[in-house]
Structure formats: structure tokens, C-alpha cells
Amino acid sequence: MSEVSTERAKGSADAVGFQVDEAVLRQVAEDERVELEALRQRLEAGTVVVMGGDGVQPLGIGQGLRTKVNANIGTSPSIADIENEKAKLYAAVDAGADTVMDLSTGGDIDKVRGMIIAESNVPIGTVPIYQAACDSPRLKKSFVELTVDEIFVSIRKHLADGVDFLTVHTGLTRAGVERLRNRKRLAGIVSRGGAMMVEWMMYNKAENPLAEYFDRLLDLTGEFGACLSLGDGLRPGALADASDRPQIQELLIIGEQVDKARAKGVQAMVEGPGHVPLDQIEMNVKLQKEICHGAPFYVLGPLVTDVAPGYDHIVSAIGGALAGMYGTDFLCYVTPSEHLGLPDVADVRVGTIVSRIAAHAADIAKYPERARKWDEEISRFREAFKWNEMIKASIDPQEARRKFDNYPKQVKGVCTMCGEFCAIKHSKKALGG
């Protein structure tokens, strides 16, 4: 592991539970333009989680804060190129991702994770159960043959490496699996981690170890001061499965686990669906906030239709904007490659930008006095034909510049959409502006 990631791991181990470094807390308050004491109270209540420090950008997620965006990267058994993952990391951060998750399952995943931690200046999340599955052949076992202790070895490894948050599928229990069998979903289980835990439970005829030994998980996480992201192993992967009983049962269990985490001083946020039709998004967000007592909510999308492979980044942005408006705190991006293949660098960039657009649209509804200042600045530049300033202030200056310079201008001072018939130019002349 690199020197940078070693320092980061030590910094994480120094903090325990909600004992967030004061300088980190102050930086988050300043960045978010909120009162420090209000932020501290939300942290103590568990409605905000705070990460970062030691060379990592301080970040707050939750009540009263800007809607954040996560970008997933990582290898697969089919494509495992560490330089490609480095390029995707840079693309995500350059495009404005607030966090990055390493979901690697192929190649030397320890080396990939070490590189990502060393190279990133934003908080990093992982799914340690993938580590357990990838390490099992070294133990001459399949994943389902791993012991509880061997599974926890992988969790400790990621914490010791200095990751900032862990996705753990703790709410998926044997009772939930039985309910799922009775439900007969259209898409079944689409969570990779969730499916792995179900296989382990069925093979061992035992309870989910992350649920049965949840206190052990809390003690270990608290030792390193990381944040738990309580994963939704039964999230719907098709609109037909949205808001069904298995999904809600898992949420009820996660709500109880949030209470346990807070009692032990461990930061926790809650992951959510998934594929959800527009008319169910508000209910899902409000239900999560009620059951989990205001814990930060982290959603994948949600995707509001199943018919658009290749365009699912747009589908998820529609759902993400709505979810954010209703109170979701953290959007996990979806790329154009969702449901089709491993995203490339271009997919990562566009997925991040589109999710940031959705997050900002949500913030305009939630915090107009803060969020709309950016929009008003852009509008003033546009009205004054200050193209360079408008492009520089936009959410993706690189793409805005490419579009603006695409064709030569026949009329000075305007773009090529209307040319000499520019509405702003003619209305100013007519009104004496």
C-alpha cells in the first residue's frame, strides 16, 4: 500500500464514532454555508454523516446539506485494467463527483483499491463482501464456504486500508429471503452483494452474518471511525418490483440497525432503490426518512422506466432530481452502460455530470436561496452575451465550449442557434435595453 493510503488509514483509526475532527467539521460548515452548531447537532442526531480529512476533501451528507453525487468505478472479471480505473477515477473527480466507490471484482483488487485510495482526494467507499469472494480461491474455498471470521477479515482489510465508507448488506435476512420466495419478483435480486449473501445463507443454512453479528461490525467500524452505508440487497431491479414487501421488510430491519449504530457512536447512512416509478418516489423517500429516523438516504437513480438501455443515465437523473427534491441526500450515478456492460471513461464522465445536474435541480427546490445563485449568475452572463464567462461557470465547461465552438459564427456576439434572429438581441433593441 502506498504512503498516502497508509497515512489515510492511520487518520481514520484515530477517530472513533461521531468524534469528527473539528477542522473537518468547520470546513464542511463553511463549504455548505450552514451554521457550525447546527451541523454539529445534526451529526450528533445521525441525520448528517461527515467524512474526510488527512488529505481527503471534507464532506457532509444529509439534512440541510447540498445533494451529493457518488461515482462507481472498478474492475470486473472480464475487464481488469488498473490504468483504466485510474483514468476513470480522474474523470469522475474532474467531473465533480463528491465520492467514488471502488466495486472491483477482477484482477488484483487490492492493488486497484490501494491506487484509488492513494490517488483520490475525495472520500472512497467499497463493498468488502466482494473482497471476501475474490479472496476465497486463495483459501481453496468457494465464497459460500467462508467462515464468519473470514468474512470479517475482508471488512477489517478495507477499513485498515483507509476507506471512508463501507456498503454492507445487513438488512437482508433469511426471513426476507422467504418473503421474496413467496413474492416471485419479476427481476428477483439485482444487488450483487445481496445475491452473494443469499447464496451464503442458503448454503450454510444460517443467518446473514452481517446481521447476526451486527454489533461486531459496529465495533470494528467504530475502531476506524468509518461510516456504514447499509445496503439494500432487495432493492427492486424492475418497476414491477418497486415498493414490494421484501423491499420494505429489509428497510424496517435497517431502521433498527440505524438505531444500534447511533447508540454505539457509528455513523450510518441508508441505501435505497433502485427501479421506482415516478409516482412512488416521494413515498419511498418519506418512508425511509420515517423508519430510519432521518438517516441520510443514498439512492441508485432511482430509474423511473425500464425501457431505455443506453440512456439509463438520463432515466436515473429524472428519478434522482425528484428523489432529491423529496429529501434524498446522496445520489449514486448511473452511466449510459448500465444494464449493458462495464462503463468506460466517457461513461463515467457523463454519468457524473448528469447526476450532478439532477442533484442541483433538487437543491433548487430544497434550498433555493443557496442553490439558485449559480443559475442566476449563468443567466446574467447569457443575457449579456458573455459567452466565455457563461461557459466557464457552467456545470461542464469542457462540453459547453465544444458545442459553442462547433460552427463558425456568421453574426458577432450571438450563438449559432438563432444567429441574427437572436431573441435577446432583438428584444433589447425593441425595448431600449
Protein backbone atom coordinates (compact mmCIF):
# COMPACT_ATOMS: atom_id res chain seq x y z
CA MET A 1 0.00 0.00 0.00
CA SER A 2 1.27 3.47 -0.83
CA GLU A 3 2.50 6.00 1.71
CA VAL A 4 -0.51 8.22 1.04
CA SER A 5 -3.04 5.47 1.72
CA THR A 6 -1.15 4.36 4.84
CA GLU A 7 -1.39 7.87 6.28
CA ARG A 8 -5.06 7.93 5.42
CA ALA A 9 -5.69 4.65 7.23
CA LYS A 10 -3.95 5.91 10.35
CA GLY A 11 -6.00 9.08 10.25
CA SER A 12 -9.19 7.04 10.08
CA ALA A 13 -8.22 4.85 13.02
CA ASP A 14 -7.63 7.90 15.22
CA ALA A 15 -11.31 8.86 15.09
CA VAL A 16 -13.98 6.85 16.90
CA GLY A 17 -17.68 7.07 16.14
CA PHE A 18 -19.08 10.59 15.93
CA GLN A 19 -15.82 12.14 17.10
CA VAL A 20 -15.21 14.01 13.86
CA ASP A 21 -12.17 16.28 13.72
CA GLU A 22 -13.16 19.87 14.49
CA ALA A 23 -11.29 21.25 11.47
CA VAL A 24 -13.17 18.86 9.19
CA LEU A 25 -16.49 19.89 10.71
CA ARG A 26 -15.66 23.58 10.29
CA GLN A 27 -14.67 23.06 6.66
CA VAL A 28 -17.95 21.26 5.90
CA ALA A 29 -19.94 24.06 7.57
CA GLU A 30 -18.06 26.67 5.53
CA ASP A 31 -18.46 24.77 2.26
CA GLU A 32 -22.16 24.21 2.84
CA ARG A 33 -22.81 27.73 4.17
CA VAL A 34 -24.54 26.40 7.29
CA GLU A 35 -24.04 27.26 10.94
CA LEU A 36 -21.38 25.15 12.62
CA GLU A 37 -23.53 24.43 15.67
CA ALA A 38 -26.48 23.34 13.51
CA LEU A 39 -24.17 20.97 11.63
CA ARG A 40 -22.81 19.58 14.88
CA GLN A 41 -26.32 18.91 16.19
CA ARG A 42 -27.29 17.07 13.01
CA LEU A 43 -24.13 14.99 13.21
CA GLU A 44 -24.91 14.04 16.81
CA ALA A 45 -28.51 13.21 15.85
CA GLY A 46 -27.33 10.99 12.98
CA THR A 47 -29.14 12.98 10.28
CA VAL A 48 -25.76 14.02 8.83
CA VAL A 49 -22.59 11.98 8.27
CA VAL A 50 -19.19 13.63 7.86
CA MET A 51 -16.11 12.17 6.16
CA GLY A 52 -12.70 13.32 5.02
CA GLY A 53 -9.58 14.95 6.41
CA ASP A 54 -5.93 13.87 6.14
CA GLY A 55 -5.67 14.92 2.50
CA VAL A 56 -9.25 13.95 1.67
CA GLN A 57 -11.81 16.66 0.92
CA PRO A 58 -14.10 17.08 3.97
CA LEU A 59 -17.65 16.11 3.05
CA GLY A 60 -21.01 16.20 4.77
CA ILE A 61 -24.05 14.25 3.59
CA GLY A 62 -27.52 14.68 4.99
CA GLN A 63 -30.08 17.08 6.40
CA GLY A 64 -29.80 20.67 5.19
CA LEU A 65 -26.74 20.00 3.01
CA ARG A 66 -26.21 20.05 -0.75
CA THR A 67 -27.31 16.82 -2.51
CA LYS A 68 -24.16 14.80 -3.17
CA VAL A 69 -23.16 12.52 -6.06
CA ASN A 70 -21.21 9.26 -6.00
CA ALA A 71 -19.46 7.67 -8.99
CA ASN A 72 -18.89 3.90 -9.11
CA ILE A 73 -15.75 2.57 -10.77
CA GLY A 74 -13.88 -0.73 -10.54
CA THR A 75 -12.75 -3.77 -12.45
CA SER A 76 -14.75 -6.83 -13.45
CA PRO A 77 -13.66 -10.42 -14.14
CA SER A 78 -13.88 -9.53 -17.86
CA ILE A 79 -12.00 -6.21 -17.77
CA ALA A 80 -9.32 -5.62 -15.13
CA ASP A 81 -7.01 -2.78 -16.19
CA ILE A 82 -5.66 -0.69 -13.32
CA GLU A 83 -4.63 2.19 -15.62
CA ASN A 84 -8.18 2.28 -16.98
CA GLU A 85 -9.51 2.51 -13.42
CA LYS A 86 -7.10 5.34 -12.68
CA ALA A 87 -8.40 7.20 -15.73
CA LYS A 88 -11.98 6.63 -14.59
CA LEU A 89 -11.13 7.92 -11.11
CA TYR A 90 -9.65 11.09 -12.58
CA ALA A 91 -12.65 11.52 -14.89
CA ALA A 92 -15.12 11.17 -12.00
CA VAL A 93 -13.30 13.63 -9.76
CA ASP A 94 -12.72 16.09 -12.61
CA ALA A 95 -16.44 15.95 -13.42
CA GLY A 96 -17.29 16.84 -9.83
CA ALA A 97 -18.10 13.56 -8.07
CA ASP A 98 -18.27 14.07 -4.31
CA THR A 99 -17.26 10.46 -3.58
CA VAL A 100 -16.07 7.45 -5.54
CA MET A 101 -16.82 3.81 -4.84
CA ASP A 102 -14.44 1.03 -5.88
CA LEU A 103 -16.54 -2.01 -6.82
CA SER A 104 -13.68 -4.08 -8.22
CA THR A 105 -14.18 -7.83 -8.64
CA GLY A 106 -11.46 -8.68 -11.18
CA GLY A 107 -7.68 -8.72 -11.28
CA ASP A 108 -5.57 -7.61 -8.31
CA ILE A 109 -8.32 -5.81 -6.44
CA ASP A 110 -6.01 -4.98 -3.50
CA LYS A 111 -3.72 -3.13 -5.88
CA VAL A 112 -6.63 -1.35 -7.55
CA ARG A 113 -8.06 -0.23 -4.21
CA GLY A 114 -4.66 0.94 -2.99
CA MET A 115 -4.22 3.01 -6.14
CA ILE A 116 -7.68 4.58 -5.85
CA ILE A 117 -7.18 5.49 -2.19
CA ALA A 118 -3.73 6.92 -2.90
CA GLU A 119 -4.80 8.93 -5.94
CA SER A 120 -8.17 10.24 -4.71
CA ASN A 121 -8.78 13.48 -2.86
CA VAL A 122 -12.46 12.65 -2.31
CA PRO A 123 -13.87 10.05 0.12
CA ILE A 124 -13.76 6.44 -1.08
CA GLY A 125 -16.30 3.69 -0.47
CA THR A 126 -16.08 -0.07 -1.05
CA VAL A 127 -18.09 -3.29 -0.71
CA PRO A 128 -15.91 -5.65 1.39
CA ILE A 129 -18.01 -8.71 0.58
CA TYR A 130 -16.54 -8.55 -2.94
CA GLN A 131 -13.10 -8.82 -1.35
CA ALA A 132 -14.19 -11.94 0.50
CA ALA A 133 -15.42 -13.52 -2.72
CA CYS A 134 -12.24 -12.65 -4.62
CA ASP A 135 -10.00 -13.92 -1.78
CA SER A 136 -11.83 -17.23 -1.30
CA PRO A 137 -9.87 -19.15 -4.01
CA ARG A 138 -6.65 -18.40 -2.13
CA LEU A 139 -8.18 -20.23 0.81
CA LYS A 140 -9.14 -23.09 -1.52
CA LYS A 141 -12.81 -22.37 -0.86
CA SER A 142 -15.81 -21.00 -2.64
CA PHE A 143 -17.39 -17.85 -1.25
CA VAL A 144 -20.22 -19.76 0.39
CA GLU A 145 -17.71 -21.90 2.31
CA LEU A 146 -16.12 -18.91 4.04
CA THR A 147 -16.50 -18.70 7.79
CA VAL A 148 -17.88 -15.67 9.57
CA ASP A 149 -14.36 -14.81 10.75
CA GLU A 150 -13.03 -14.99 7.20
CA ILE A 151 -15.73 -12.61 6.01
CA PHE A 152 -14.81 -10.15 8.77
CA VAL A 153 -11.14 -10.34 7.72
CA SER A 154 -12.12 -8.67 4.45
CA ILE A 155 -14.03 -5.94 6.26
CA ARG A 156 -11.05 -5.20 8.51
CA LYS A 157 -8.74 -5.14 5.49
CA HIS A 158 -10.75 -2.39 3.82
CA LEU A 159 -11.02 -0.35 7.00
CA ALA A 160 -7.29 -0.67 7.65
CA ASP A 161 -6.59 0.49 4.09
CA GLY A 162 -8.38 3.73 4.93
CA VAL A 163 -11.72 3.61 3.10
CA ASP A 164 -14.19 6.23 4.28
CA PHE A 165 -17.42 4.25 3.99
CA LEU A 166 -18.47 0.62 3.50
CA THR A 167 -21.55 -0.79 1.85
CA VAL A 168 -22.73 -3.76 3.92
CA HIS A 169 -25.91 -5.72 3.21
CA THR A 170 -27.06 -6.08 6.81
CA GLY A 171 -30.83 -5.83 6.39
CA LEU A 172 -31.19 -8.91 4.18
CA THR A 173 -32.17 -11.83 6.45
CA ARG A 174 -33.44 -15.37 5.99
CA ALA A 175 -36.95 -14.13 6.73
CA GLY A 176 -36.58 -11.66 3.89
CA VAL A 177 -35.47 -14.41 1.54
CA GLU A 178 -38.56 -16.45 2.42
CA ARG A 179 -40.77 -13.44 1.79
CA LEU A 180 -39.04 -12.95 -1.56
CA ARG A 181 -39.75 -16.57 -2.50
CA ASN A 182 -43.44 -16.01 -1.84
CA ARG A 183 -43.44 -12.72 -3.76
CA LYS A 184 -41.98 -14.15 -7.02
CA ARG A 185 -40.49 -10.92 -8.30
CA LEU A 186 -40.15 -10.15 -11.98
CA ALA A 187 -36.42 -9.33 -11.66
CA GLY A 188 -35.55 -11.20 -8.46
CA ILE A 189 -32.40 -9.96 -6.69
CA VAL A 190 -30.32 -7.47 -8.69
CA SER A 191 -27.92 -6.45 -5.94
CA ARG A 192 -24.63 -8.28 -6.45
CA GLY A 193 -23.82 -8.16 -2.73
CA GLY A 194 -27.36 -9.14 -1.85
CA ALA A 195 -27.28 -12.19 -4.12
CA MET A 196 -23.96 -13.26 -2.62
CA MET A 197 -25.34 -13.06 0.92
CA VAL A 198 -28.40 -15.09 -0.08
CA GLU A 199 -26.17 -17.80 -1.55
CA TRP A 200 -24.12 -17.89 1.66
CA MET A 201 -27.22 -18.14 3.86
CA MET A 202 -28.80 -20.89 1.78
CA TYR A 203 -25.61 -22.95 1.64
CA ASN A 204 -24.86 -22.65 5.35
CA LYS A 205 -28.49 -22.75 6.48
CA ALA A 206 -27.55 -19.83 8.70
CA GLU A 207 -28.47 -16.19 9.22
CA ASN A 208 -26.75 -13.38 7.34
CA PRO A 209 -23.53 -12.97 9.38
CA LEU A 210 -23.55 -9.19 8.91
CA ALA A 211 -26.99 -9.09 10.53
CA GLU A 212 -26.37 -11.74 13.20
CA TYR A 213 -23.06 -10.18 14.20
CA PHE A 214 -24.07 -6.58 13.62
CA ASP A 215 -22.61 -5.48 16.97
CA ARG A 216 -19.26 -6.94 15.93
CA LEU A 217 -19.48 -4.97 12.69
CA LEU A 218 -20.22 -1.79 14.63
CA ASP A 219 -17.26 -2.34 16.96
CA LEU A 220 -14.93 -2.87 14.03
CA THR A 221 -16.21 0.14 12.09
CA GLY A 222 -16.07 2.31 15.18
CA GLU A 223 -12.45 1.32 15.74
CA PHE A 224 -11.54 3.01 12.45
CA GLY A 225 -14.09 5.84 12.54
CA ALA A 226 -15.58 4.94 9.16
CA CYS A 227 -19.19 5.29 8.04
CA LEU A 228 -21.52 2.37 7.30
CA SER A 229 -23.71 2.51 4.22
CA LEU A 230 -26.45 0.00 4.97
CA GLY A 231 -27.07 -1.62 1.60
CA ASP A 232 -30.40 -2.63 0.11
CA GLY A 233 -29.84 -6.18 -1.02
CA LEU A 234 -33.50 -6.48 -2.00
CA ARG A 235 -33.75 -3.23 -3.94
CA PRO A 236 -36.13 -3.50 -6.90
CA GLY A 237 -34.48 -4.08 -10.27
CA ALA A 238 -37.69 -3.62 -12.25
CA LEU A 239 -40.61 -1.23 -11.89
CA ALA A 240 -42.89 -4.22 -11.28
CA ASP A 241 -40.97 -4.99 -8.06
CA ALA A 242 -40.88 -1.47 -6.63
CA SER A 243 -42.11 -0.89 -3.07
CA ASP A 244 -42.92 -4.57 -2.51
CA ARG A 245 -42.95 -6.35 0.83
CA PRO A 246 -39.40 -7.77 0.66
CA GLN A 247 -38.00 -4.27 -0.01
CA ILE A 248 -39.97 -2.73 2.85
CA GLN A 249 -39.18 -5.58 5.27
CA GLU A 250 -35.47 -5.04 4.64
CA LEU A 251 -35.92 -1.30 5.25
CA LEU A 252 -37.60 -1.99 8.60
CA ILE A 253 -34.62 -4.08 9.71
CA ILE A 254 -32.18 -1.42 8.52
CA GLY A 255 -34.11 1.17 10.54
CA GLU A 256 -33.45 -0.83 13.69
CA GLN A 257 -29.79 -1.17 12.74
CA VAL A 258 -29.50 2.60 12.31
CA ASP A 259 -30.62 2.97 15.92
CA LYS A 260 -28.00 0.46 17.06
CA ALA A 261 -25.27 2.24 15.10
CA ARG A 262 -26.15 5.59 16.67
CA ALA A 263 -26.17 4.05 20.14
CA LYS A 264 -22.59 2.86 19.52
CA GLY A 265 -21.45 6.14 18.01
CA VAL A 266 -21.02 4.78 14.48
CA GLN A 267 -22.06 6.94 11.55
CA ALA A 268 -24.58 5.31 9.21
CA MET A 269 -26.48 6.13 6.07
CA VAL A 270 -29.09 4.04 4.28
CA GLU A 271 -29.12 2.87 0.67
CA GLY A 272 -32.32 2.79 -1.34
CA PRO A 273 -33.86 1.73 -4.63
CA GLY A 274 -33.42 1.06 -7.48
CA HIS A 275 -36.15 0.99 -10.13
CA VAL A 276 -39.11 3.07 -8.93
CA PRO A 277 -41.93 4.69 -10.96
CA LEU A 278 -42.29 8.45 -10.63
CA ASP A 279 -45.46 8.25 -8.57
CA GLN A 280 -43.77 6.09 -5.88
CA ILE A 281 -40.59 8.12 -5.35
CA GLU A 282 -41.98 10.57 -2.79
CA MET A 283 -43.48 7.73 -0.74
CA ASN A 284 -40.21 5.77 -0.78
CA VAL A 285 -38.15 8.73 0.40
CA LYS A 286 -40.57 9.73 3.15
CA LEU A 287 -40.91 6.13 4.32
CA GLN A 288 -37.13 5.76 4.59
CA LYS A 289 -36.80 9.02 6.49
CA GLU A 290 -39.52 7.97 8.92
CA ILE A 291 -38.36 4.40 9.52
CA CYS A 292 -34.67 5.33 9.74
CA HIS A 293 -35.23 8.46 11.86
CA GLY A 294 -33.80 10.89 9.33
CA ALA A 295 -30.64 8.96 8.44
CA PRO A 296 -29.00 10.20 5.22
CA PHE A 297 -30.57 8.46 2.22
CA TYR A 298 -28.38 7.19 -0.65
CA VAL A 299 -30.18 6.01 -3.80
CA LEU A 300 -29.14 4.37 -7.06
CA GLY A 301 -31.03 6.56 -9.51
CA PRO A 302 -33.82 5.81 -8.97
CA LEU A 303 -34.58 4.66 -12.51
CA VAL A 304 -38.13 5.58 -13.50
CA THR A 305 -38.55 3.32 -16.56
CA ASP A 306 -37.05 0.03 -17.70
CA VAL A 307 -37.15 0.67 -21.47
CA ALA A 308 -34.02 2.76 -22.08
CA PRO A 309 -30.76 0.75 -22.04
CA GLY A 310 -28.04 3.07 -23.30
CA TYR A 311 -29.86 6.08 -21.86
CA ASP A 312 -30.26 5.00 -18.25
CA HIS A 313 -28.11 7.94 -17.08
CA ILE A 314 -30.98 10.17 -18.22
CA VAL A 315 -33.61 7.85 -16.75
CA SER A 316 -31.84 7.96 -13.38
CA ALA A 317 -31.43 11.74 -13.49
CA ILE A 318 -35.19 12.14 -13.83
CA GLY A 319 -35.72 9.97 -10.76
CA GLY A 320 -32.76 11.43 -8.91
CA ALA A 321 -33.98 15.00 -9.26
CA LEU A 322 -37.37 14.02 -7.87
CA ALA A 323 -35.90 11.90 -5.08
CA GLY A 324 -33.55 14.72 -4.12
CA MET A 325 -36.39 17.23 -4.03
CA TYR A 326 -38.31 14.99 -1.64
CA GLY A 327 -35.35 14.65 0.73
CA THR A 328 -32.80 12.15 -0.64
CA ASP A 329 -29.31 13.28 0.34
CA PHE A 330 -26.97 11.29 -1.89
CA LEU A 331 -27.33 10.13 -5.50
CA CYS A 332 -25.33 7.24 -6.91
CA TYR A 333 -24.77 7.94 -10.57
CA VAL A 334 -25.92 5.66 -13.36
CA THR A 335 -23.96 5.62 -16.62
CA PRO A 336 -25.09 5.00 -20.21
CA SER A 337 -23.63 1.49 -19.85
CA GLU A 338 -25.98 0.48 -17.03
CA HIS A 339 -27.54 -2.94 -17.80
CA LEU A 340 -25.15 -3.29 -20.78
CA GLY A 341 -21.55 -3.50 -19.65
CA LEU A 342 -18.67 -2.07 -17.62
CA PRO A 343 -18.58 1.73 -18.04
CA ASP A 344 -15.63 3.31 -19.79
CA VAL A 345 -14.02 6.68 -19.05
CA ALA A 346 -16.51 8.60 -21.19
CA ASP A 347 -19.43 6.86 -19.45
CA VAL A 348 -18.04 7.79 -16.04
CA ARG A 349 -17.72 11.43 -17.02
CA VAL A 350 -21.20 11.80 -18.50
CA GLY A 351 -22.79 9.78 -15.69
CA THR A 352 -21.24 12.08 -13.10
CA ILE A 353 -22.28 15.27 -14.89
CA VAL A 354 -25.85 14.10 -15.43
CA SER A 355 -26.21 13.08 -11.77
CA ARG A 356 -24.80 16.45 -10.70
CA ILE A 357 -27.46 18.15 -12.83
CA ALA A 358 -30.14 16.10 -11.08
CA ALA A 359 -28.68 16.92 -7.65
CA HIS A 360 -28.55 20.64 -8.40
CA ALA A 361 -32.11 20.61 -9.74
CA ALA A 362 -33.19 19.00 -6.47
CA ASP A 363 -31.30 21.59 -4.43
CA ILE A 364 -33.05 24.43 -6.27
CA ALA A 365 -36.30 23.04 -4.89
CA LYS A 366 -34.91 22.32 -1.40
CA TYR A 367 -32.63 25.30 -0.81
CA PRO A 368 -33.49 27.96 -3.42
CA GLU A 369 -31.81 30.80 -1.54
CA ARG A 370 -28.47 28.96 -1.83
CA ALA A 371 -28.73 26.87 -4.98
CA ARG A 372 -30.26 29.42 -7.36
CA LYS A 373 -27.36 31.86 -7.07
CA TRP A 374 -25.47 29.71 -9.57
CA ASP A 375 -28.40 29.75 -12.03
CA GLU A 376 -28.79 33.50 -11.71
CA GLU A 377 -25.09 34.01 -12.42
CA ILE A 378 -25.33 31.92 -15.60
CA SER A 379 -28.46 33.79 -16.69
CA ARG A 380 -26.80 37.18 -16.24
CA PHE A 381 -23.85 36.08 -18.39
CA ARG A 382 -26.22 34.73 -21.05
CA GLU A 383 -28.30 37.89 -21.13
CA ALA A 384 -25.15 39.99 -21.55
CA PHE A 385 -23.71 37.70 -24.27
CA LYS A 386 -20.73 36.96 -22.03
CA TRP A 387 -20.18 33.57 -23.60
CA ASN A 388 -16.76 32.84 -22.13
CA GLU A 389 -17.93 33.65 -18.61
CA MET A 390 -21.11 31.60 -19.05
CA ILE A 391 -19.16 28.61 -20.34
CA LYS A 392 -16.60 28.83 -17.55
CA ALA A 393 -19.35 28.94 -14.90
CA SER A 394 -21.35 26.03 -16.35
CA ILE A 395 -21.54 22.56 -14.87
CA ASP A 396 -19.44 21.11 -17.71
CA PRO A 397 -17.29 23.85 -19.27
CA GLN A 398 -15.49 21.33 -21.49
CA GLU A 399 -18.67 20.18 -23.25
CA ALA A 400 -20.17 23.69 -23.32
CA ARG A 401 -17.04 25.04 -25.04
CA ARG A 402 -17.07 22.19 -27.58
CA LYS A 403 -20.68 22.89 -28.51
CA PHE A 404 -20.21 26.66 -28.69
CA ASP A 405 -17.17 26.40 -30.95
CA ASN A 406 -18.68 23.71 -33.17
CA TYR A 407 -19.63 26.09 -36.03
CA PRO A 408 -18.22 29.45 -37.15
CA LYS A 409 -20.30 32.49 -36.14
CA GLN A 410 -21.83 34.46 -39.00
CA VAL A 411 -23.10 37.19 -36.69
CA LYS A 412 -20.90 38.69 -33.99
CA GLY A 413 -21.94 38.33 -30.37
CA VAL A 414 -24.55 35.58 -30.68
CA CYS A 415 -24.57 31.79 -30.89
CA THR A 416 -25.50 29.79 -34.00
CA MET A 417 -28.95 28.69 -32.80
CA CYS A 418 -30.73 31.92 -33.80
CA GLY A 419 -27.91 33.93 -35.33
CA GLU A 420 -29.17 37.34 -36.46
CA PHE A 421 -32.65 36.47 -35.13
CA CYS A 422 -31.44 36.25 -31.52
CA ALA A 423 -34.42 36.94 -29.26
CA ILE A 424 -32.39 38.62 -26.53
CA LYS A 425 -30.63 40.90 -29.03
CA HIS A 426 -33.85 41.98 -30.78
CA SER A 427 -35.85 42.44 -27.58
CA LYS A 428 -33.12 44.63 -26.13
CA LYS A 429 -33.20 46.77 -29.23
CA ALA A 430 -37.01 46.97 -29.23
CA LEU A 431 -37.25 47.79 -25.53
CA GLY A 432 -34.28 50.10 -25.48
CA GLY A 433 -32.25 47.81 -23.23
